[in-house]
């Protein structure tokens, strides 16, 4: 009788143990790990992508079009480069430095500048130009035509000019004037070359 009783008790315990293990009673439900998580499966917060400030001003639509074609384009960085180009072109033209001008100007614009330098040299004249201060450098217009981006910058600067003849240097007089011009820079947005070139100059004052 004792053996039968012990066998019944053991069978009862085994049945209860199987039921507990088979049903995983008491174990917390396991949720599948989220994508991008590691270890515990808890998702890490994703930092929001910073938004680029919207372009404003009269050239906003054109700037947006250029940025859509080349997301490396930044108006502030462009203006910094445009001011540097403005100074380099003025100084190179004054010094008759064709090599520098050729790197900064489109071919047709360079041809006109080179012709003016040659005419000045032939007449025996020298030009001494100095930018005293750039008072204004502002993007006035921009656009994208097929693959060519163009940006128009209005420059206003105090410039001193002295034109002298080689045989009469003592008669040269310095003239200081406020010059306002619109310079148009262009660039092919599909090329790797990040440099812009001067395509035209229009005198406003």
C-alpha atoms as a PDB file:
ATOM      1  CA  UNK A   1       0.000   0.000   0.000  1.00  0.00           C
ATOM      2  CA  UNK A   2       2.813   2.440   0.821  1.00  0.00           C
ATOM      3  CA  UNK A   3       4.440   1.828  -2.558  1.00  0.00           C
ATOM      4  CA  UNK A   4       1.157   2.479  -4.339  1.00  0.00           C
ATOM      5  CA  UNK A   5       0.602   5.665  -2.290  1.00  0.00           C
ATOM      6  CA  UNK A   6       4.140   6.985  -3.011  1.00  0.00           C
ATOM      7  CA  UNK A   7       3.746   6.240  -6.712  1.00  0.00           C
ATOM      8  CA  UNK A   8       0.446   8.146  -6.820  1.00  0.00           C
ATOM      9  CA  UNK A   9       1.977  11.151  -5.056  1.00  0.00           C
ATOM     10  CA  UNK A  10       5.021  11.129  -7.399  1.00  0.00           C
ATOM     11  CA  UNK A  11       2.761  10.946 -10.456  1.00  0.00           C
ATOM     12  CA  UNK A  12       0.698  13.860  -9.188  1.00  0.00           C
ATOM     13  CA  UNK A  13       3.833  15.983  -8.627  1.00  0.00           C
ATOM     14  CA  UNK A  14       5.206  15.177 -12.097  1.00  0.00           C
ATOM     15  CA  UNK A  15       1.905  16.130 -13.737  1.00  0.00           C
ATOM     16  CA  UNK A  16       1.833  19.488 -11.902  1.00  0.00           C
ATOM     17  CA  UNK A  17       5.496  20.136 -12.750  1.00  0.00           C
ATOM     18  CA  UNK A  18       4.890  19.443 -16.445  1.00  0.00           C
ATOM     19  CA  UNK A  19       1.892  21.727 -16.487  1.00  0.00           C
ATOM     20  CA  UNK A  20       3.880  24.558 -14.939  1.00  0.00           C
ATOM     21  CA  UNK A  21       6.922  24.204 -17.243  1.00  0.00           C
ATOM     22  CA  UNK A  22       4.889  23.624 -20.355  1.00  0.00           C
ATOM     23  CA  UNK A  23       2.750  26.708 -19.866  1.00  0.00           C
ATOM     24  CA  UNK A  24       5.678  28.931 -18.693  1.00  0.00           C
ATOM     25  CA  UNK A  25       3.442  30.210 -15.906  1.00  0.00           C
ATOM     26  CA  UNK A  26       4.914  33.165 -14.027  1.00  0.00           C
ATOM     27  CA  UNK A  27       7.466  34.100 -16.729  1.00  0.00           C
ATOM     28  CA  UNK A  28       7.098  37.666 -18.053  1.00  0.00           C
ATOM     29  CA  UNK A  29       5.975  37.889 -21.675  1.00  0.00           C
ATOM     30  CA  UNK A  30       8.875  38.496 -24.069  1.00  0.00           C
ATOM     31  CA  UNK A  31       8.373  41.259 -26.612  1.00  0.00           C
ATOM     32  CA  UNK A  32      10.446  41.218 -29.801  1.00  0.00           C
ATOM     33  CA  UNK A  33      13.360  43.672 -29.770  1.00  0.00           C
ATOM     34  CA  UNK A  34      12.808  46.916 -31.672  1.00  0.00           C
ATOM     35  CA  UNK A  35      14.926  47.786 -34.688  1.00  0.00           C
ATOM     36  CA  UNK A  36      17.889  49.882 -33.755  1.00  0.00           C
ATOM     37  CA  UNK A  37      17.938  48.658 -30.162  1.00  0.00           C
ATOM     38  CA  UNK A  38      20.656  46.617 -28.530  1.00  0.00           C
ATOM     39  CA  UNK A  39      20.880  44.318 -25.540  1.00  0.00           C
ATOM     40  CA  UNK A  40      17.721  44.798 -23.503  1.00  0.00           C
ATOM     41  CA  UNK A  41      15.525  45.588 -26.515  1.00  0.00           C
ATOM     42  CA  UNK A  42      14.699  49.091 -25.244  1.00  0.00           C
ATOM     43  CA  UNK A  43      14.624  51.543 -28.148  1.00  0.00           C
ATOM     44  CA  UNK A  44      17.053  54.451 -27.924  1.00  0.00           C
ATOM     45  CA  UNK A  45      15.621  57.882 -28.701  1.00  0.00           C
ATOM     46  CA  UNK A  46      16.578  59.095 -32.181  1.00  0.00           C
ATOM     47  CA  UNK A  47      17.824  62.670 -32.346  1.00  0.00           C
ATOM     48  CA  UNK A  48      15.766  64.751 -34.802  1.00  0.00           C
ATOM     49  CA  UNK A  49      17.537  65.866 -37.972  1.00  0.00           C
ATOM     50  CA  UNK A  50      18.254  69.609 -37.732  1.00  0.00           C
ATOM     51  CA  UNK A  51      16.295  71.617 -40.262  1.00  0.00           C
ATOM     52  CA  UNK A  52      18.048  74.015 -42.609  1.00  0.00           C
ATOM     53  CA  UNK A  53      16.804  77.601 -42.193  1.00  0.00           C
ATOM     54  CA  UNK A  54      14.538  78.615 -45.046  1.00  0.00           C
ATOM     55  CA  UNK A  55      16.051  80.944 -47.629  1.00  0.00           C
ATOM     56  CA  UNK A  56      14.611  84.441 -47.527  1.00  0.00           C
ATOM     57  CA  UNK A  57      14.762  87.614 -49.592  1.00  0.00           C
ATOM     58  CA  UNK A  58      14.205  88.315 -53.286  1.00  0.00           C
ATOM     59  CA  UNK A  59      16.471  85.444 -54.360  1.00  0.00           C
ATOM     60  CA  UNK A  60      14.839  82.802 -52.118  1.00  0.00           C
ATOM     61  CA  UNK A  61      13.244  80.720 -54.903  1.00  0.00           C
ATOM     62  CA  UNK A  62      16.462  80.631 -56.904  1.00  0.00           C
ATOM     63  CA  UNK A  63      18.540  79.710 -53.867  1.00  0.00           C
ATOM     64  CA  UNK A  64      16.146  76.859 -53.079  1.00  0.00           C
ATOM     65  CA  UNK A  65      16.503  75.569 -56.646  1.00  0.00           C
ATOM     66  CA  UNK A  66      20.306  75.662 -56.432  1.00  0.00           C
ATOM     67  CA  UNK A  67      20.271  73.911 -53.050  1.00  0.00           C
ATOM     68  CA  UNK A  68      17.956  71.211 -54.413  1.00  0.00           C
ATOM     69  CA  UNK A  69      20.491  70.522 -57.177  1.00  0.00           C
ATOM     70  CA  UNK A  70      23.526  70.758 -54.883  1.00  0.00           C
ATOM     71  CA  UNK A  71      22.919  70.432 -51.133  1.00  0.00           C
ATOM     72  CA  UNK A  72      26.464  71.630 -50.404  1.00  0.00           C
ATOM     73  CA  UNK A  73      25.435  75.144 -51.429  1.00  0.00           C
ATOM     74  CA  UNK A  74      25.344  77.636 -48.567  1.00  0.00           C
ATOM     75  CA  UNK A  75      24.572  81.333 -49.245  1.00  0.00           C
ATOM     76  CA  UNK A  76      26.750  82.637 -46.416  1.00  0.00           C
ATOM     77  CA  UNK A  77      29.771  80.632 -47.508  1.00  0.00           C
ATOM     78  CA  UNK A  78      29.098  81.704 -51.074  1.00  0.00           C
ATOM     79  CA  UNK A  79      29.064  85.392 -50.080  1.00  0.00           C
ATOM     80  CA  UNK A  80      32.369  85.005 -48.258  1.00  0.00           C
ATOM     81  CA  UNK A  81      33.906  83.558 -51.404  1.00  0.00           C
ATOM     82  CA  UNK A  82      32.249  86.196 -53.605  1.00  0.00           C
ATOM     83  CA  UNK A  83      33.764  89.039 -51.578  1.00  0.00           C
ATOM     84  CA  UNK A  84      37.198  87.434 -51.817  1.00  0.00           C
ATOM     85  CA  UNK A  85      36.739  87.068 -55.598  1.00  0.00           C
ATOM     86  CA  UNK A  86      35.656  90.713 -55.856  1.00  0.00           C
ATOM     87  CA  UNK A  87      38.872  91.896 -54.216  1.00  0.00           C
ATOM     88  CA  UNK A  88      41.037  89.541 -56.273  1.00  0.00           C
ATOM     89  CA  UNK A  89      39.493  90.594 -59.599  1.00  0.00           C
ATOM     90  CA  UNK A  90      39.798  94.324 -58.876  1.00  0.00           C
ATOM     91  CA  UNK A  91      43.410  93.979 -57.734  1.00  0.00           C
ATOM     92  CA  UNK A  92      44.387  91.635 -60.592  1.00  0.00           C
ATOM     93  CA  UNK A  93      42.904  93.951 -63.216  1.00  0.00           C
ATOM     94  CA  UNK A  94      44.755  96.900 -61.696  1.00  0.00           C
ATOM     95  CA  UNK A  95      48.050  94.976 -61.738  1.00  0.00           C
ATOM     96  CA  UNK A  96      47.472  93.503 -65.201  1.00  0.00           C
ATOM     97  CA  UNK A  97      47.570  89.985 -63.752  1.00  0.00           C
ATOM     98  CA  UNK A  98      45.955  87.975 -66.535  1.00  0.00           C
ATOM     99  CA  UNK A  99      46.762  84.609 -64.959  1.00  0.00           C
ATOM    100  CA  UNK A 100      44.677  85.325 -61.869  1.00  0.00           C
ATOM    101  CA  UNK A 101      41.856  86.776 -63.955  1.00  0.00           C
ATOM    102  CA  UNK A 102      41.728  83.708 -66.195  1.00  0.00           C
ATOM    103  CA  UNK A 103      41.002  81.506 -63.169  1.00  0.00           C
ATOM    104  CA  UNK A 104      38.203  83.761 -61.928  1.00  0.00           C
ATOM    105  CA  UNK A 105      36.398  84.860 -65.100  1.00  0.00           C
ATOM    106  CA  UNK A 106      34.400  83.134 -67.793  1.00  0.00           C
ATOM    107  CA  UNK A 107      36.234  83.049 -71.106  1.00  0.00           C
ATOM    108  CA  UNK A 108      34.260  85.863 -72.778  1.00  0.00           C
ATOM    109  CA  UNK A 109      34.600  88.149 -69.749  1.00  0.00           C
ATOM    110  CA  UNK A 110      38.290  87.350 -69.498  1.00  0.00           C
ATOM    111  CA  UNK A 111      38.769  88.297 -73.157  1.00  0.00           C
ATOM    112  CA  UNK A 112      37.365  91.782 -72.525  1.00  0.00           C
ATOM    113  CA  UNK A 113      39.484  92.305 -69.417  1.00  0.00           C
ATOM    114  CA  UNK A 114      42.635  91.112 -71.216  1.00  0.00           C
ATOM    115  CA  UNK A 115      41.903  93.432 -74.142  1.00  0.00           C
ATOM    116  CA  UNK A 116      41.530  96.398 -71.779  1.00  0.00           C
ATOM    117  CA  UNK A 117      44.812  95.541 -70.049  1.00  0.00           C
ATOM    118  CA  UNK A 118      46.620  95.306 -73.397  1.00  0.00           C
ATOM    119  CA  UNK A 119      45.191  98.651 -74.522  1.00  0.00           C
ATOM    120  CA  UNK A 120      46.305 100.258 -71.273  1.00  0.00           C
ATOM    121  CA  UNK A 121      49.805  98.871 -71.648  1.00  0.00           C
ATOM    122  CA  UNK A 122      50.037 100.018 -75.276  1.00  0.00           C
ATOM    123  CA  UNK A 123      49.063 103.578 -74.315  1.00  0.00           C
ATOM    124  CA  UNK A 124      51.737 103.642 -71.626  1.00  0.00           C
ATOM    125  CA  UNK A 125      49.268 103.971 -68.763  1.00  0.00           C
ATOM    126  CA  UNK A 126      49.324 102.306 -65.380  1.00  0.00           C
ATOM    127  CA  UNK A 127      46.424 101.772 -63.017  1.00  0.00           C
ATOM    128  CA  UNK A 128      46.651 101.715 -59.244  1.00  0.00           C
ATOM    129  CA  UNK A 129      43.380 100.613 -57.636  1.00  0.00           C
ATOM    130  CA  UNK A 130      42.720  99.888 -53.975  1.00  0.00           C
ATOM    131  CA  UNK A 131      39.531  98.757 -52.271  1.00  0.00           C
ATOM    132  CA  UNK A 132      39.266 100.836 -49.124  1.00  0.00           C
ATOM    133  CA  UNK A 133      36.152  99.154 -47.790  1.00  0.00           C
ATOM    134  CA  UNK A 134      33.390  96.876 -49.041  1.00  0.00           C
ATOM    135  CA  UNK A 135      30.272  98.501 -47.631  1.00  0.00           C
ATOM    136  CA  UNK A 136      27.761  96.052 -49.013  1.00  0.00           C
ATOM    137  CA  UNK A 137      27.731  92.546 -50.448  1.00  0.00           C
ATOM    138  CA  UNK A 138      24.221  91.195 -50.875  1.00  0.00           C
ATOM    139  CA  UNK A 139      22.637  88.472 -52.971  1.00  0.00           C
ATOM    140  CA  UNK A 140      20.010  90.114 -55.175  1.00  0.00           C
ATOM    141  CA  UNK A 141      18.970  87.279 -57.471  1.00  0.00           C
ATOM    142  CA  UNK A 142      19.623  83.606 -58.113  1.00  0.00           C
ATOM    143  CA  UNK A 143      18.450  80.889 -60.423  1.00  0.00           C
ATOM    144  CA  UNK A 144      19.091  77.511 -62.012  1.00  0.00           C
ATOM    145  CA  UNK A 145      18.932  77.004 -65.776  1.00  0.00           C
ATOM    146  CA  UNK A 146      19.335  73.327 -66.626  1.00  0.00           C
ATOM    147  CA  UNK A 147      22.647  72.588 -64.909  1.00  0.00           C
ATOM    148  CA  UNK A 148      23.992  76.145 -64.605  1.00  0.00           C
ATOM    149  CA  UNK A 149      23.452  77.983 -61.329  1.00  0.00           C
ATOM    150  CA  UNK A 150      23.731  81.761 -61.288  1.00  0.00           C
ATOM    151  CA  UNK A 151      23.862  84.175 -58.367  1.00  0.00           C
ATOM    152  CA  UNK A 152      23.805  87.967 -58.649  1.00  0.00           C
ATOM    153  CA  UNK A 153      25.617  89.883 -55.922  1.00  0.00           C
ATOM    154  CA  UNK A 154      25.403  93.638 -55.433  1.00  0.00           C
ATOM    155  CA  UNK A 155      28.691  95.117 -54.279  1.00  0.00           C
ATOM    156  CA  UNK A 156      29.068  98.618 -52.937  1.00  0.00           C
ATOM    157  CA  UNK A 157      32.619  99.696 -52.100  1.00  0.00           C
ATOM    158  CA  UNK A 158      34.808 102.723 -51.526  1.00  0.00           C
ATOM    159  CA  UNK A 159      37.601 102.473 -54.089  1.00  0.00           C
ATOM    160  CA  UNK A 160      40.644 104.672 -54.666  1.00  0.00           C
ATOM    161  CA  UNK A 161      41.913 104.886 -58.242  1.00  0.00           C
ATOM    162  CA  UNK A 162      45.052 106.435 -59.626  1.00  0.00           C
ATOM    163  CA  UNK A 163      45.787 106.337 -63.343  1.00  0.00           C
ATOM    164  CA  UNK A 164      49.204 107.540 -64.405  1.00  0.00           C
ATOM    165  CA  UNK A 165      51.383 107.708 -67.472  1.00  0.00           C
ATOM    166  CA  UNK A 166      54.827 106.228 -67.384  1.00  0.00           C
ATOM    167  CA  UNK A 167      56.394 109.472 -68.590  1.00  0.00           C
ATOM    168  CA  UNK A 168      54.325 111.739 -66.319  1.00  0.00           C
ATOM    169  CA  UNK A 169      53.969 109.935 -62.944  1.00  0.00           C
ATOM    170  CA  UNK A 170      53.873 113.168 -60.955  1.00  0.00           C
ATOM    171  CA  UNK A 171      50.604 114.256 -62.576  1.00  0.00           C
ATOM    172  CA  UNK A 172      48.651 111.257 -61.319  1.00  0.00           C
ATOM    173  CA  UNK A 173      45.835 112.095 -58.968  1.00  0.00           C
ATOM    174  CA  UNK A 174      44.034 109.763 -56.592  1.00  0.00           C
ATOM    175  CA  UNK A 175      40.264 109.595 -56.929  1.00  0.00           C
ATOM    176  CA  UNK A 176      38.122 108.026 -54.211  1.00  0.00           C
ATOM    177  CA  UNK A 177      34.616 107.022 -55.209  1.00  0.00           C
ATOM    178  CA  UNK A 178      31.733 104.866 -54.089  1.00  0.00           C
ATOM    179  CA  UNK A 179      31.211 102.176 -56.705  1.00  0.00           C
ATOM    180  CA  UNK A 180      28.069 100.035 -56.865  1.00  0.00           C
ATOM    181  CA  UNK A 181      27.950  97.080 -59.237  1.00  0.00           C
ATOM    182  CA  UNK A 182      26.092  93.819 -59.784  1.00  0.00           C
ATOM    183  CA  UNK A 183      28.339  90.830 -60.360  1.00  0.00           C
ATOM    184  CA  UNK A 184      26.868  87.611 -61.707  1.00  0.00           C
ATOM    185  CA  UNK A 185      28.624  84.385 -60.770  1.00  0.00           C
ATOM    186  CA  UNK A 186      27.897  81.046 -62.463  1.00  0.00           C
ATOM    187  CA  UNK A 187      28.728  77.397 -61.826  1.00  0.00           C
ATOM    188  CA  UNK A 188      27.839  74.017 -63.287  1.00  0.00           C
ATOM    189  CA  UNK A 189      26.210  72.201 -60.348  1.00  0.00           C
ATOM    190  CA  UNK A 190      26.926  68.749 -61.812  1.00  0.00           C
ATOM    191  CA  UNK A 191      30.694  69.121 -61.794  1.00  0.00           C
ATOM    192  CA  UNK A 192      32.991  68.424 -58.865  1.00  0.00           C
ATOM    193  CA  UNK A 193      34.625  71.819 -59.269  1.00  0.00           C
ATOM    194  CA  UNK A 194      33.232  73.963 -56.407  1.00  0.00           C
ATOM    195  CA  UNK A 195      34.500  77.245 -57.879  1.00  0.00           C
ATOM    196  CA  UNK A 196      32.221  79.902 -59.298  1.00  0.00           C
ATOM    197  CA  UNK A 197      33.257  82.216 -62.158  1.00  0.00           C
ATOM    198  CA  UNK A 198      32.334  85.789 -62.928  1.00  0.00           C
ATOM    199  CA  UNK A 199      29.986  85.933 -65.932  1.00  0.00           C
ATOM    200  CA  UNK A 200      29.067  89.628 -66.077  1.00  0.00           C
ATOM    201  CA  UNK A 201      29.444  92.993 -64.369  1.00  0.00           C
ATOM    202  CA  UNK A 202      26.796  95.722 -64.464  1.00  0.00           C
ATOM    203  CA  UNK A 203      27.555  99.197 -63.076  1.00  0.00           C
ATOM    204  CA  UNK A 204      24.740 100.697 -61.006  1.00  0.00           C
ATOM    205  CA  UNK A 205      26.495 103.823 -59.697  1.00  0.00           C
END
